């Protein structure tokens, strides 16, 4: 059964400006693995960051909580599997919440173009 859905769209330029303005911006929001992945994208670096930011926002919307209750952006990690499919790994309070709500599946899709990035998340729970 579907627990929740969420989507988000982000301007790539907004993420780039924030990252260039504040040195701690990327480390506050993204895990080391996410930063390594995005930084390796060279020209598409900020598109990758924006897509992951959108994924985290969409994820919190799908949870139905938004960004509160002590959840942290770095507790939601977006990485790619060996075929390039984006996947969500959770930790900390976010993982506890998903366990409490019996969430068993996280579906994620990402897309980006030069100026915009978007993400869509579906959370499924055990009925």
PDB file of N, CA and C in Angstrom:
ATOM      1  N   UNK A   1       0.849  -1.187   0.000  1.00  0.00           N
ATOM      2  CA  UNK A   1       0.000   0.000   0.000  1.00  0.00           C
ATOM      3  C   UNK A   1       0.891   1.246   0.000  1.00  0.00           C
ATOM      4  N   UNK A   2       0.362   2.271  -0.627  1.00  0.00           N
ATOM      5  CA  UNK A   2       1.112   3.529  -0.663  1.00  0.00           C
ATOM      6  C   UNK A   2       0.924   4.264   0.656  1.00  0.00           C
ATOM      7  N   UNK A   3       2.041   4.622   1.255  1.00  0.00           N
ATOM      8  CA  UNK A   3       2.052   5.416   2.484  1.00  0.00           C
ATOM      9  C   UNK A   3       2.004   6.896   2.136  1.00  0.00           C
ATOM     10  N   UNK A   4       2.814   7.286   1.149  1.00  0.00           N
ATOM     11  CA  UNK A   4       2.853   8.691   0.758  1.00  0.00           C
ATOM     12  C   UNK A   4       3.626   8.895  -0.522  1.00  0.00           C
ATOM     13  N   UNK A   5       3.353  10.026  -1.155  1.00  0.00           N
ATOM     14  CA  UNK A   5       4.092  10.430  -2.347  1.00  0.00           C
ATOM     15  C   UNK A   5       4.604  11.844  -2.140  1.00  0.00           C
ATOM     16  N   UNK A   6       5.673  12.164  -2.824  1.00  0.00           N
ATOM     17  CA  UNK A   6       6.217  13.510  -2.746  1.00  0.00           C
ATOM     18  C   UNK A   6       6.966  13.845  -4.014  1.00  0.00           C
ATOM     19  N   UNK A   7       6.932  15.114  -4.379  1.00  0.00           N
ATOM     20  CA  UNK A   7       7.749  15.549  -5.496  1.00  0.00           C
ATOM     21  C   UNK A   7       8.312  16.927  -5.182  1.00  0.00           C
ATOM     22  N   UNK A   8       9.368  17.281  -5.900  1.00  0.00           N
ATOM     23  CA  UNK A   8       9.982  18.587  -5.686  1.00  0.00           C
ATOM     24  C   UNK A   8      10.725  18.970  -6.958  1.00  0.00           C
ATOM     25  N   UNK A   9      10.846  20.263  -7.165  1.00  0.00           N
ATOM     26  CA  UNK A   9      11.613  20.796  -8.289  1.00  0.00           C
ATOM     27  C   UNK A   9      12.506  21.901  -7.743  1.00  0.00           C
ATOM     28  N   UNK A  10      13.750  21.932  -8.211  1.00  0.00           N
ATOM     29  CA  UNK A  10      14.749  22.857  -7.680  1.00  0.00           C
ATOM     30  C   UNK A  10      15.483  23.524  -8.835  1.00  0.00           C
ATOM     31  N   UNK A  11      15.755  24.819  -8.677  1.00  0.00           N
ATOM     32  CA  UNK A  11      16.591  25.518  -9.647  1.00  0.00           C
ATOM     33  C   UNK A  11      18.055  25.177  -9.359  1.00  0.00           C
ATOM     34  N   UNK A  12      18.760  24.699 -10.355  1.00  0.00           N
ATOM     35  CA  UNK A  12      20.165  24.313 -10.196  1.00  0.00           C
ATOM     36  C   UNK A  12      20.990  25.510  -9.724  1.00  0.00           C
ATOM     37  N   UNK A  13      20.729  26.666 -10.272  1.00  0.00           N
ATOM     38  CA  UNK A  13      21.465  27.878  -9.927  1.00  0.00           C
ATOM     39  C   UNK A  13      21.346  28.220  -8.438  1.00  0.00           C
ATOM     40  N   UNK A  14      20.199  27.958  -7.856  1.00  0.00           N
ATOM     41  CA  UNK A  14      19.991  28.225  -6.428  1.00  0.00           C
ATOM     42  C   UNK A  14      20.927  27.379  -5.563  1.00  0.00           C
ATOM     43  N   UNK A  15      21.076  26.098  -5.928  1.00  0.00           N
ATOM     44  CA  UNK A  15      21.968  25.202  -5.191  1.00  0.00           C
ATOM     45  C   UNK A  15      23.415  25.623  -5.401  1.00  0.00           C
ATOM     46  N   UNK A  16      23.771  25.959  -6.629  1.00  0.00           N
ATOM     47  CA  UNK A  16      25.138  26.378  -6.929  1.00  0.00           C
ATOM     48  C   UNK A  16      25.512  27.642  -6.147  1.00  0.00           C
ATOM     49  N   UNK A  17      24.638  28.626  -6.148  1.00  0.00           N
ATOM     50  CA  UNK A  17      24.915  29.874  -5.418  1.00  0.00           C
ATOM     51  C   UNK A  17      25.079  29.621  -3.926  1.00  0.00           C
ATOM     52  N   UNK A  18      24.214  28.790  -3.351  1.00  0.00           N
ATOM     53  CA  UNK A  18      24.311  28.487  -1.918  1.00  0.00           C
ATOM     54  C   UNK A  18      25.620  27.770  -1.603  1.00  0.00           C
ATOM     55  N   UNK A  19      26.022  26.843  -2.464  1.00  0.00           N
ATOM     56  CA  UNK A  19      27.265  26.093  -2.249  1.00  0.00           C
ATOM     57  C   UNK A  19      28.483  27.009  -2.357  1.00  0.00           C
ATOM     58  N   UNK A  20      28.448  27.944  -3.280  1.00  0.00           N
ATOM     59  CA  UNK A  20      29.572  28.860  -3.465  1.00  0.00           C
ATOM     60  C   UNK A  20      29.616  29.944  -2.386  1.00  0.00           C
ATOM     61  N   UNK A  21      28.477  30.267  -1.809  1.00  0.00           N
ATOM     62  CA  UNK A  21      28.390  31.315  -0.791  1.00  0.00           C
ATOM     63  C   UNK A  21      28.778  30.808   0.593  1.00  0.00           C
ATOM     64  N   UNK A  22      28.394  29.580   0.920  1.00  0.00           N
ATOM     65  CA  UNK A  22      28.592  29.036   2.266  1.00  0.00           C
ATOM     66  C   UNK A  22      29.349  27.716   2.174  1.00  0.00           C
ATOM     67  N   UNK A  23      30.534  27.661   2.740  1.00  0.00           N
ATOM     68  CA  UNK A  23      31.370  26.463   2.613  1.00  0.00           C
ATOM     69  C   UNK A  23      30.750  25.236   3.269  1.00  0.00           C
ATOM     70  N   UNK A  24      29.935  25.427   4.286  1.00  0.00           N
ATOM     71  CA  UNK A  24      29.354  24.279   4.998  1.00  0.00           C
ATOM     72  C   UNK A  24      28.048  23.785   4.381  1.00  0.00           C
ATOM     73  N   UNK A  25      27.524  24.483   3.381  1.00  0.00           N
ATOM     74  CA  UNK A  25      26.226  24.142   2.800  1.00  0.00           C
ATOM     75  C   UNK A  25      26.176  22.685   2.344  1.00  0.00           C
ATOM     76  N   UNK A  26      27.119  22.268   1.527  1.00  0.00           N
ATOM     77  CA  UNK A  26      27.090  20.911   0.974  1.00  0.00           C
ATOM     78  C   UNK A  26      27.294  19.850   2.051  1.00  0.00           C
ATOM     79  N   UNK A  27      28.180  20.097   2.999  1.00  0.00           N
ATOM     80  CA  UNK A  27      28.436  19.087   4.034  1.00  0.00           C
ATOM     81  C   UNK A  27      27.278  18.973   5.030  1.00  0.00           C
ATOM     82  N   UNK A  28      26.478  20.011   5.167  1.00  0.00           N
ATOM     83  CA  UNK A  28      25.306  19.947   6.043  1.00  0.00           C
ATOM     84  C   UNK A  28      24.191  19.100   5.432  1.00  0.00           C
ATOM     85  N   UNK A  29      24.053  19.157   4.111  1.00  0.00           N
ATOM     86  CA  UNK A  29      22.918  18.527   3.445  1.00  0.00           C
ATOM     87  C   UNK A  29      23.216  17.170   2.827  1.00  0.00           C
ATOM     88  N   UNK A  30      24.479  16.934   2.472  1.00  0.00           N
ATOM     89  CA  UNK A  30      24.825  15.739   1.710  1.00  0.00           C
ATOM     90  C   UNK A  30      25.887  14.915   2.423  1.00  0.00           C
ATOM     91  N   UNK A  31      25.771  13.603   2.283  1.00  0.00           N
ATOM     92  CA  UNK A  31      26.761  12.706   2.871  1.00  0.00           C
ATOM     93  C   UNK A  31      28.056  12.766   2.051  1.00  0.00           C
ATOM     94  N   UNK A  32      29.096  12.214   2.602  1.00  0.00           N
ATOM     95  CA  UNK A  32      30.378  12.187   1.888  1.00  0.00           C
ATOM     96  C   UNK A  32      30.255  11.438   0.560  1.00  0.00           C
ATOM     97  N   UNK A  33      29.542  10.312   0.574  1.00  0.00           N
ATOM     98  CA  UNK A  33      29.363   9.542  -0.665  1.00  0.00           C
ATOM     99  C   UNK A  33      28.610  10.352  -1.720  1.00  0.00           C
ATOM    100  N   UNK A  34      27.589  11.091  -1.293  1.00  0.00           N
ATOM    101  CA  UNK A  34      26.843  11.928  -2.243  1.00  0.00           C
ATOM    102  C   UNK A  34      27.750  13.013  -2.817  1.00  0.00           C
ATOM    103  N   UNK A  35      28.560  13.638  -1.967  1.00  0.00           N
ATOM    104  CA  UNK A  35      29.452  14.701  -2.439  1.00  0.00           C
ATOM    105  C   UNK A  35      30.486  14.152  -3.412  1.00  0.00           C
ATOM    106  N   UNK A  36      31.023  12.968  -3.128  1.00  0.00           N
ATOM    107  CA  UNK A  36      31.986  12.356  -4.052  1.00  0.00           C
ATOM    108  C   UNK A  36      31.346  12.094  -5.412  1.00  0.00           C
ATOM    109  N   UNK A  37      30.123  11.570  -5.393  1.00  0.00           N
ATOM    110  CA  UNK A  37      29.409  11.291  -6.642  1.00  0.00           C
ATOM    111  C   UNK A  37      29.180  12.583  -7.432  1.00  0.00           C
ATOM    112  N   UNK A  38      28.614  13.582  -6.779  1.00  0.00           N
ATOM    113  CA  UNK A  38      28.271  14.828  -7.472  1.00  0.00           C
ATOM    114  C   UNK A  38      29.521  15.552  -7.973  1.00  0.00           C
ATOM    115  N   UNK A  39      30.550  15.622  -7.150  1.00  0.00           N
ATOM    116  CA  UNK A  39      31.774  16.316  -7.545  1.00  0.00           C
ATOM    117  C   UNK A  39      32.443  15.648  -8.744  1.00  0.00           C
ATOM    118  N   UNK A  40      32.264  14.354  -8.900  1.00  0.00           N
ATOM    119  CA  UNK A  40      32.849  13.626 -10.034  1.00  0.00           C
ATOM    120  C   UNK A  40      32.106  13.907 -11.336  1.00  0.00           C
ATOM    121  N   UNK A  41      30.941  14.522 -11.279  1.00  0.00           N
ATOM    122  CA  UNK A  41      30.137  14.789 -12.470  1.00  0.00           C
ATOM    123  C   UNK A  41      30.669  15.964 -13.267  1.00  0.00           C
ATOM    124  N   UNK A  42      31.661  16.660 -12.795  1.00  0.00           N
ATOM    125  CA  UNK A  42      32.288  17.812 -13.470  1.00  0.00           C
ATOM    126  C   UNK A  42      31.248  18.857 -13.894  1.00  0.00           C
ATOM    127  N   UNK A  43      30.946  18.947 -15.186  1.00  0.00           N
ATOM    128  CA  UNK A  43      30.030  19.983 -15.687  1.00  0.00           C
ATOM    129  C   UNK A  43      28.620  19.829 -15.116  1.00  0.00           C
ATOM    130  N   UNK A  44      28.209  18.607 -14.805  1.00  0.00           N
ATOM    131  CA  UNK A  44      26.875  18.363 -14.264  1.00  0.00           C
ATOM    132  C   UNK A  44      26.835  18.301 -12.753  1.00  0.00           C
ATOM    133  N   UNK A  45      27.887  18.768 -12.121  1.00  0.00           N
ATOM    134  CA  UNK A  45      28.016  18.698 -10.659  1.00  0.00           C
ATOM    135  C   UNK A  45      26.794  19.290  -9.936  1.00  0.00           C
ATOM    136  N   UNK A  46      26.437  20.509 -10.267  1.00  0.00           N
ATOM    137  CA  UNK A  46      25.347  21.157  -9.535  1.00  0.00           C
ATOM    138  C   UNK A  46      23.977  20.627  -9.945  1.00  0.00           C
ATOM    139  N   UNK A  47      23.861  20.099 -11.137  1.00  0.00           N
ATOM    140  CA  UNK A  47      22.620  19.415 -11.515  1.00  0.00           C
ATOM    141  C   UNK A  47      22.431  18.190 -10.629  1.00  0.00           C
ATOM    142  N   UNK A  48      23.512  17.461 -10.374  1.00  0.00           N
ATOM    143  CA  UNK A  48      23.440  16.271  -9.519  1.00  0.00           C
ATOM    144  C   UNK A  48      23.104  16.649  -8.084  1.00  0.00           C
ATOM    145  N   UNK A  49      23.718  17.714  -7.583  1.00  0.00           N
ATOM    146  CA  UNK A  49      23.389  18.180  -6.228  1.00  0.00           C
ATOM    147  C   UNK A  49      21.922  18.605  -6.155  1.00  0.00           C
ATOM    148  N   UNK A  50      21.465  19.341  -7.152  1.00  0.00           N
ATOM    149  CA  UNK A  50      20.080  19.823  -7.154  1.00  0.00           C
ATOM    150  C   UNK A  50      19.094  18.662  -7.206  1.00  0.00           C
ATOM    151  N   UNK A  51      19.398  17.651  -8.010  1.00  0.00           N
ATOM    152  CA  UNK A  51      18.503  16.482  -8.094  1.00  0.00           C
ATOM    153  C   UNK A  51      18.429  15.771  -6.750  1.00  0.00           C
ATOM    154  N   UNK A  52      19.552  15.649  -6.064  1.00  0.00           N
ATOM    155  CA  UNK A  52      19.559  14.991  -4.756  1.00  0.00           C
ATOM    156  C   UNK A  52      18.857  15.841  -3.698  1.00  0.00           C
ATOM    157  N   UNK A  53      19.013  17.144  -3.794  1.00  0.00           N
ATOM    158  CA  UNK A  53      18.292  18.033  -2.884  1.00  0.00           C
ATOM    159  C   UNK A  53      16.784  17.876  -3.105  1.00  0.00           C
ATOM    160  N   UNK A  54      16.370  17.873  -4.362  1.00  0.00           N
ATOM    161  CA  UNK A  54      14.949  17.683  -4.679  1.00  0.00           C
ATOM    162  C   UNK A  54      14.457  16.339  -4.153  1.00  0.00           C
ATOM    163  N   UNK A  55      15.296  15.301  -4.251  1.00  0.00           N
ATOM    164  CA  UNK A  55      14.917  13.972  -3.760  1.00  0.00           C
ATOM    165  C   UNK A  55      14.684  13.993  -2.257  1.00  0.00           C
ATOM    166  N   UNK A  56      15.538  14.680  -1.531  1.00  0.00           N
ATOM    167  CA  UNK A  56      15.386  14.752  -0.074  1.00  0.00           C
ATOM    168  C   UNK A  56      14.108  15.505   0.295  1.00  0.00           C
ATOM    169  N   UNK A  57      13.855  16.614  -0.391  1.00  0.00           N
ATOM    170  CA  UNK A  57      12.615  17.364  -0.155  1.00  0.00           C
ATOM    171  C   UNK A  57      11.391  16.506  -0.480  1.00  0.00           C
ATOM    172  N   UNK A  58      11.418  15.819  -1.618  1.00  0.00           N
ATOM    173  CA  UNK A  58      10.301  14.956  -2.010  1.00  0.00           C
ATOM    174  C   UNK A  58      10.118  13.822  -1.011  1.00  0.00           C
ATOM    175  N   UNK A  59      11.219  13.295  -0.510  1.00  0.00           N
ATOM    176  CA  UNK A  59      11.159  12.217   0.472  1.00  0.00           C
ATOM    177  C   UNK A  59      10.443  12.674   1.742  1.00  0.00           C
ATOM    178  N   UNK A  60      10.815  13.843   2.264  1.00  0.00           N
ATOM    179  CA  UNK A  60      10.166  14.344   3.480  1.00  0.00           C
ATOM    180  C   UNK A  60       8.690  14.645   3.241  1.00  0.00           C
ATOM    181  N   UNK A  61       8.351  15.080   2.047  1.00  0.00           N
ATOM    182  CA  UNK A  61       6.937  15.285   1.710  1.00  0.00           C
ATOM    183  C   UNK A  61       6.197  13.943   1.701  1.00  0.00           C
ATOM    184  N   UNK A  62       6.817  12.923   1.138  1.00  0.00           N
ATOM    185  CA  UNK A  62       6.188  11.597   1.101  1.00  0.00           C
ATOM    186  C   UNK A  62       5.997  11.037   2.508  1.00  0.00           C
ATOM    187  N   UNK A  63       6.895  11.378   3.414  1.00  0.00           N
ATOM    188  CA  UNK A  63       6.743  10.936   4.807  1.00  0.00           C
ATOM    189  C   UNK A  63       5.537  11.600   5.469  1.00  0.00           C
ATOM    190  N   UNK A  64       5.119  12.730   4.923  1.00  0.00           N
ATOM    191  CA  UNK A  64       3.984  13.448   5.499  1.00  0.00           C
ATOM    192  C   UNK A  64       4.358  14.326   6.674  1.00  0.00           C
ATOM    193  N   UNK A  65       5.634  14.458   6.931  1.00  0.00           N
ATOM    194  CA  UNK A  65       6.104  15.215   8.086  1.00  0.00           C
ATOM    195  C   UNK A  65       6.774  16.516   7.703  1.00  0.00           C
ATOM    196  N   UNK A  66       7.249  16.586   6.470  1.00  0.00           N
ATOM    197  CA  UNK A  66       8.119  17.699   6.133  1.00  0.00           C
ATOM    198  C   UNK A  66       9.436  17.529   6.877  1.00  0.00           C
ATOM    199  N   UNK A  67      10.152  18.605   6.970  1.00  0.00           N
ATOM    200  CA  UNK A  67      11.479  18.589   7.604  1.00  0.00           C
ATOM    201  C   UNK A  67      11.334  19.066   9.051  1.00  0.00           C
ATOM    202  N   UNK A  68      10.979  18.132   9.937  1.00  0.00           N
ATOM    203  CA  UNK A  68      10.828  18.458  11.370  1.00  0.00           C
ATOM    204  C   UNK A  68      11.090  17.226  12.210  1.00  0.00           C
ATOM    205  N   UNK A  69      10.816  17.290  13.479  1.00  0.00           N
ATOM    206  CA  UNK A  69      10.992  16.174  14.424  1.00  0.00           C
ATOM    207  C   UNK A  69      12.434  15.716  14.556  1.00  0.00           C
ATOM    208  N   UNK A  70      13.373  16.618  14.311  1.00  0.00           N
ATOM    209  CA  UNK A  70      14.772  16.263  14.454  1.00  0.00           C
ATOM    210  C   UNK A  70      15.353  15.500  13.287  1.00  0.00           C
ATOM    211  N   UNK A  71      14.606  15.381  12.187  1.00  0.00           N
ATOM    212  CA  UNK A  71      15.147  14.717  10.996  1.00  0.00           C
ATOM    213  C   UNK A  71      16.241  15.600  10.403  1.00  0.00           C
ATOM    214  N   UNK A  72      17.209  14.968   9.758  1.00  0.00           N
ATOM    215  CA  UNK A  72      18.297  15.710   9.133  1.00  0.00           C
ATOM    216  C   UNK A  72      18.427  15.304   7.667  1.00  0.00           C
ATOM    217  N   UNK A  73      18.782  16.257   6.838  1.00  0.00           N
ATOM    218  CA  UNK A  73      18.926  15.975   5.415  1.00  0.00           C
ATOM    219  C   UNK A  73      19.963  14.893   5.145  1.00  0.00           C
ATOM    220  N   UNK A  74      21.044  14.870   5.930  1.00  0.00           N
ATOM    221  CA  UNK A  74      22.077  13.857   5.685  1.00  0.00           C
ATOM    222  C   UNK A  74      21.652  12.453   6.129  1.00  0.00           C
ATOM    223  N   UNK A  75      20.481  12.325   6.789  1.00  0.00           N
ATOM    224  CA  UNK A  75      19.945  11.002   7.130  1.00  0.00           C
ATOM    225  C   UNK A  75      19.230  10.354   5.936  1.00  0.00           C
ATOM    226  N   UNK A  76      19.058  11.116   4.884  1.00  0.00           N
ATOM    227  CA  UNK A  76      18.470  10.622   3.637  1.00  0.00           C
ATOM    228  C   UNK A  76      19.575  10.717   2.586  1.00  0.00           C
ATOM    229  N   UNK A  77      20.096   9.580   2.176  1.00  0.00           N
ATOM    230  CA  UNK A  77      21.223   9.537   1.245  1.00  0.00           C
ATOM    231  C   UNK A  77      20.748   8.998  -0.102  1.00  0.00           C
ATOM    232  N   UNK A  78      21.059   9.722  -1.163  1.00  0.00           N
ATOM    233  CA  UNK A  78      20.664   9.320  -2.510  1.00  0.00           C
ATOM    234  C   UNK A  78      21.917   8.912  -3.282  1.00  0.00           C
ATOM    235  N   UNK A  79      21.999   7.629  -3.584  1.00  0.00           N
ATOM    236  CA  UNK A  79      23.118   7.079  -4.342  1.00  0.00           C
ATOM    237  C   UNK A  79      22.569   6.315  -5.533  1.00  0.00           C
ATOM    238  N   UNK A  80      23.447   5.943  -6.439  1.00  0.00           N
ATOM    239  CA  UNK A  80      23.028   5.179  -7.612  1.00  0.00           C
ATOM    240  C   UNK A  80      23.517   3.746  -7.501  1.00  0.00           C
ATOM    241  N   UNK A  81      22.693   2.795  -7.959  1.00  0.00           N
ATOM    242  CA  UNK A  81      23.133   1.402  -7.983  1.00  0.00           C
ATOM    243  C   UNK A  81      24.078   1.195  -9.166  1.00  0.00           C
ATOM    244  N   UNK A  82      24.514  -0.037  -9.372  1.00  0.00           N
ATOM    245  CA  UNK A  82      25.494  -0.326 -10.424  1.00  0.00           C
ATOM    246  C   UNK A  82      24.973  -0.044 -11.836  1.00  0.00           C
ATOM    247  N   UNK A  83      23.668   0.038 -12.003  1.00  0.00           N
ATOM    248  CA  UNK A  83      23.090   0.363 -13.310  1.00  0.00           C
ATOM    249  C   UNK A  83      22.736   1.845 -13.446  1.00  0.00           C
ATOM    250  N   UNK A  84      22.975   2.611 -12.389  1.00  0.00           N
ATOM    251  CA  UNK A  84      22.691   4.039 -12.422  1.00  0.00           C
ATOM    252  C   UNK A  84      21.359   4.447 -11.847  1.00  0.00           C
ATOM    253  N   UNK A  85      20.578   3.478 -11.383  1.00  0.00           N
ATOM    254  CA  UNK A  85      19.263   3.783 -10.796  1.00  0.00           C
ATOM    255  C   UNK A  85      19.457   4.453  -9.434  1.00  0.00           C
ATOM    256  N   UNK A  86      18.809   5.599  -9.202  1.00  0.00           N
ATOM    257  CA  UNK A  86      18.940   6.241  -7.891  1.00  0.00           C
ATOM    258  C   UNK A  86      18.197   5.456  -6.809  1.00  0.00           C
ATOM    259  N   UNK A  87      18.820   5.380  -5.656  1.00  0.00           N
ATOM    260  CA  UNK A  87      18.239   4.681  -4.504  1.00  0.00           C
ATOM    261  C   UNK A  87      18.382   5.550  -3.267  1.00  0.00           C
ATOM    262  N   UNK A  88      17.496   5.339  -2.319  1.00  0.00           N
ATOM    263  CA  UNK A  88      17.526   6.084  -1.067  1.00  0.00           C
ATOM    264  C   UNK A  88      17.968   5.155   0.058  1.00  0.00           C
ATOM    265  N   UNK A  89      18.971   5.604   0.808  1.00  0.00           N
ATOM    266  CA  UNK A  89      19.389   4.936   2.037  1.00  0.00           C
ATOM    267  C   UNK A  89      19.069   5.887   3.184  1.00  0.00           C
ATOM    268  N   UNK A  90      18.545   5.347   4.274  1.00  0.00           N
ATOM    269  CA  UNK A  90      18.180   6.197   5.407  1.00  0.00           C
ATOM    270  C   UNK A  90      18.939   5.760   6.650  1.00  0.00           C
ATOM    271  N   UNK A  91      19.070   6.691   7.581  1.00  0.00           N
ATOM    272  CA  UNK A  91      19.727   6.407   8.856  1.00  0.00           C
ATOM    273  C   UNK A  91      19.103   7.277   9.939  1.00  0.00           C
ATOM    274  N   UNK A  92      19.542   7.088  11.164  1.00  0.00           N
ATOM    275  CA  UNK A  92      19.122   7.944  12.273  1.00  0.00           C
ATOM    276  C   UNK A  92      17.633   7.955  12.528  1.00  0.00           C
ATOM    277  N   UNK A  93      17.128   9.138  12.867  1.00  0.00           N
ATOM    278  CA  UNK A  93      15.704   9.299  13.200  1.00  0.00           C
ATOM    279  C   UNK A  93      14.794   8.991  12.016  1.00  0.00           C
ATOM    280  N   UNK A  94      15.274   9.249  10.813  1.00  0.00           N
ATOM    281  CA  UNK A  94      14.476   8.941   9.627  1.00  0.00           C
ATOM    282  C   UNK A  94      14.268   7.435   9.528  1.00  0.00           C
ATOM    283  N   UNK A  95      15.319   6.667   9.737  1.00  0.00           N
ATOM    284  CA  UNK A  95      15.209   5.196   9.693  1.00  0.00           C
ATOM    285  C   UNK A  95      14.255   4.700  10.774  1.00  0.00           C
ATOM    286  N   UNK A  96      14.325   5.288  11.961  1.00  0.00           N
ATOM    287  CA  UNK A  96      13.412   4.906  13.046  1.00  0.00           C
ATOM    288  C   UNK A  96      11.963   5.181  12.662  1.00  0.00           C
ATOM    289  N   UNK A  97      11.718   6.338  12.056  1.00  0.00           N
ATOM    290  CA  UNK A  97      10.365   6.690  11.629  1.00  0.00           C
ATOM    291  C   UNK A  97       9.840   5.677  10.613  1.00  0.00           C
ATOM    292  N   UNK A  98      10.656   5.337   9.618  1.00  0.00           N
ATOM    293  CA  UNK A  98      10.223   4.384   8.595  1.00  0.00           C
ATOM    294  C   UNK A  98       9.926   3.023   9.207  1.00  0.00           C
ATOM    295  N   UNK A  99      10.731   2.621  10.162  1.00  0.00           N
ATOM    296  CA  UNK A  99      10.499   1.340  10.833  1.00  0.00           C
ATOM    297  C   UNK A  99       9.184   1.380  11.623  1.00  0.00           C
ATOM    298  N   UNK A 100       8.946   2.469  12.345  1.00  0.00           N
ATOM    299  CA  UNK A 100       7.691   2.631  13.100  1.00  0.00           C
ATOM    300  C   UNK A 100       6.469   2.541  12.192  1.00  0.00           C
ATOM    301  N   UNK A 101       6.567   3.162  11.029  1.00  0.00           N
ATOM    302  CA  UNK A 101       5.441   3.216  10.092  1.00  0.00           C
ATOM    303  C   UNK A 101       5.389   2.004   9.155  1.00  0.00           C
ATOM    304  N   UNK A 102       6.329   1.078   9.336  1.00  0.00           N
ATOM    305  CA  UNK A 102       6.401  -0.157   8.546  1.00  0.00           C
ATOM    306  C   UNK A 102       6.557   0.120   7.049  1.00  0.00           C
ATOM    307  N   UNK A 103       7.347   1.146   6.736  1.00  0.00           N
ATOM    308  CA  UNK A 103       7.657   1.462   5.342  1.00  0.00           C
ATOM    309  C   UNK A 103       8.638   0.399   4.844  1.00  0.00           C
ATOM    310  N   UNK A 104       8.295  -0.260   3.755  1.00  0.00           N
ATOM    311  CA  UNK A 104       9.122  -1.355   3.248  1.00  0.00           C
ATOM    312  C   UNK A 104       9.783  -1.053   1.909  1.00  0.00           C
ATOM    313  N   UNK A 105       9.272  -0.097   1.172  1.00  0.00           N
ATOM    314  CA  UNK A 105       9.822   0.230  -0.137  1.00  0.00           C
ATOM    315  C   UNK A 105       9.904   1.741  -0.316  1.00  0.00           C
ATOM    316  N   UNK A 106      11.001   2.172  -0.934  1.00  0.00           N
ATOM    317  CA  UNK A 106      11.177   3.572  -1.300  1.00  0.00           C
ATOM    318  C   UNK A 106      11.443   3.598  -2.807  1.00  0.00           C
ATOM    319  N   UNK A 107      10.577   4.262  -3.535  1.00  0.00           N
ATOM    320  CA  UNK A 107      10.747   4.400  -4.986  1.00  0.00           C
ATOM    321  C   UNK A 107      11.142   5.846  -5.271  1.00  0.00           C
ATOM    322  N   UNK A 108      12.147   6.024  -6.118  1.00  0.00           N
ATOM    323  CA  UNK A 108      12.651   7.360  -6.423  1.00  0.00           C
ATOM    324  C   UNK A 108      12.971   7.475  -7.904  1.00  0.00           C
ATOM    325  N   UNK A 109      12.596   8.589  -8.473  1.00  0.00           N
ATOM    326  CA  UNK A 109      13.051   8.922  -9.814  1.00  0.00           C
ATOM    327  C   UNK A 109      13.551  10.365  -9.798  1.00  0.00           C
ATOM    328  N   UNK A 110      14.633  10.595 -10.526  1.00  0.00           N
ATOM    329  CA  UNK A 110      15.251  11.918 -10.621  1.00  0.00           C
ATOM    330  C   UNK A 110      15.318  12.324 -12.086  1.00  0.00           C
ATOM    331  N   UNK A 111      15.299  13.624 -12.317  1.00  0.00           N
ATOM    332  CA  UNK A 111      15.499  14.125 -13.664  1.00  0.00           C
ATOM    333  C   UNK A 111      16.060  15.531 -13.547  1.00  0.00           C
ATOM    334  N   UNK A 112      16.907  15.899 -14.505  1.00  0.00           N
ATOM    335  CA  UNK A 112      17.412  17.272 -14.510  1.00  0.00           C
ATOM    336  C   UNK A 112      17.799  17.704 -15.910  1.00  0.00           C
ATOM    337  N   UNK A 113      17.703  18.996 -16.097  1.00  0.00           N
ATOM    338  CA  UNK A 113      18.191  19.666 -17.292  1.00  0.00           C
ATOM    339  C   UNK A 113      19.127  20.756 -16.797  1.00  0.00           C
ATOM    340  N   UNK A 114      19.628  21.568 -17.683  1.00  0.00           N
ATOM    341  CA  UNK A 114      20.627  22.561 -17.298  1.00  0.00           C
ATOM    342  C   UNK A 114      20.191  23.439 -16.121  1.00  0.00           C
ATOM    343  N   UNK A 115      18.940  23.902 -16.142  1.00  0.00           N
ATOM    344  CA  UNK A 115      18.491  24.868 -15.135  1.00  0.00           C
ATOM    345  C   UNK A 115      17.667  24.291 -13.989  1.00  0.00           C
ATOM    346  N   UNK A 116      17.077  23.106 -14.165  1.00  0.00           N
ATOM    347  CA  UNK A 116      16.144  22.575 -13.172  1.00  0.00           C
ATOM    348  C   UNK A 116      16.423  21.104 -12.882  1.00  0.00           C
ATOM    349  N   UNK A 117      16.065  20.703 -11.668  1.00  0.00           N
ATOM    350  CA  UNK A 117      16.137  19.291 -11.275  1.00  0.00           C
ATOM    351  C   UNK A 117      14.844  18.951 -10.549  1.00  0.00           C
ATOM    352  N   UNK A 118      14.390  17.719 -10.740  1.00  0.00           N
ATOM    353  CA  UNK A 118      13.142  17.293 -10.112  1.00  0.00           C
ATOM    354  C   UNK A 118      13.283  15.876  -9.574  1.00  0.00           C
ATOM    355  N   UNK A 119      12.454  15.562  -8.591  1.00  0.00           N
ATOM    356  CA  UNK A 119      12.453  14.221  -8.003  1.00  0.00           C
ATOM    357  C   UNK A 119      11.030  13.855  -7.617  1.00  0.00           C
ATOM    358  N   UNK A 120      10.752  12.564  -7.674  1.00  0.00           N
ATOM    359  CA  UNK A 120       9.449  12.028  -7.277  1.00  0.00           C
ATOM    360  C   UNK A 120       9.705  10.799  -6.416  1.00  0.00           C
ATOM    361  N   UNK A 121       9.038  10.716  -5.267  1.00  0.00           N
ATOM    362  CA  UNK A 121       9.227   9.630  -4.298  1.00  0.00           C
ATOM    363  C   UNK A 121       7.881   9.011  -3.968  1.00  0.00           C
ATOM    364  N   UNK A 122       7.865   7.685  -3.890  1.00  0.00           N
ATOM    365  CA  UNK A 122       6.706   6.929  -3.386  1.00  0.00           C
ATOM    366  C   UNK A 122       7.212   6.056  -2.250  1.00  0.00           C
ATOM    367  N   UNK A 123       6.516   6.126  -1.118  1.00  0.00           N
ATOM    368  CA  UNK A 123       6.813   5.255   0.009  1.00  0.00           C
ATOM    369  C   UNK A 123       5.688   4.222   0.126  1.00  0.00           C
ATOM    370  N   UNK A 124       6.057   2.962   0.273  1.00  0.00           N
ATOM    371  CA  UNK A 124       5.091   1.894   0.452  1.00  0.00           C
ATOM    372  C   UNK A 124       5.232   1.322   1.869  1.00  0.00           C
ATOM    373  N   UNK A 125       4.120   0.903   2.429  1.00  0.00           N
ATOM    374  CA  UNK A 125       4.174   0.287   3.744  1.00  0.00           C
ATOM    375  C   UNK A 125       3.521  -1.087   3.717  1.00  0.00           C
ATOM    376  N   UNK A 126       3.890  -1.859   4.733  1.00  0.00           N
ATOM    377  CA  UNK A 126       3.345  -3.213   4.891  1.00  0.00           C
ATOM    378  C   UNK A 126       1.965  -3.102   5.503  1.00  0.00           C
ATOM    379  N   UNK A 127       0.991  -3.643   4.856  1.00  0.00           N
ATOM    380  CA  UNK A 127      -0.392  -3.536   5.323  1.00  0.00           C
ATOM    381  C   UNK A 127      -0.747  -4.691   6.223  1.00  0.00           C
TER     382      UNK A 127
END
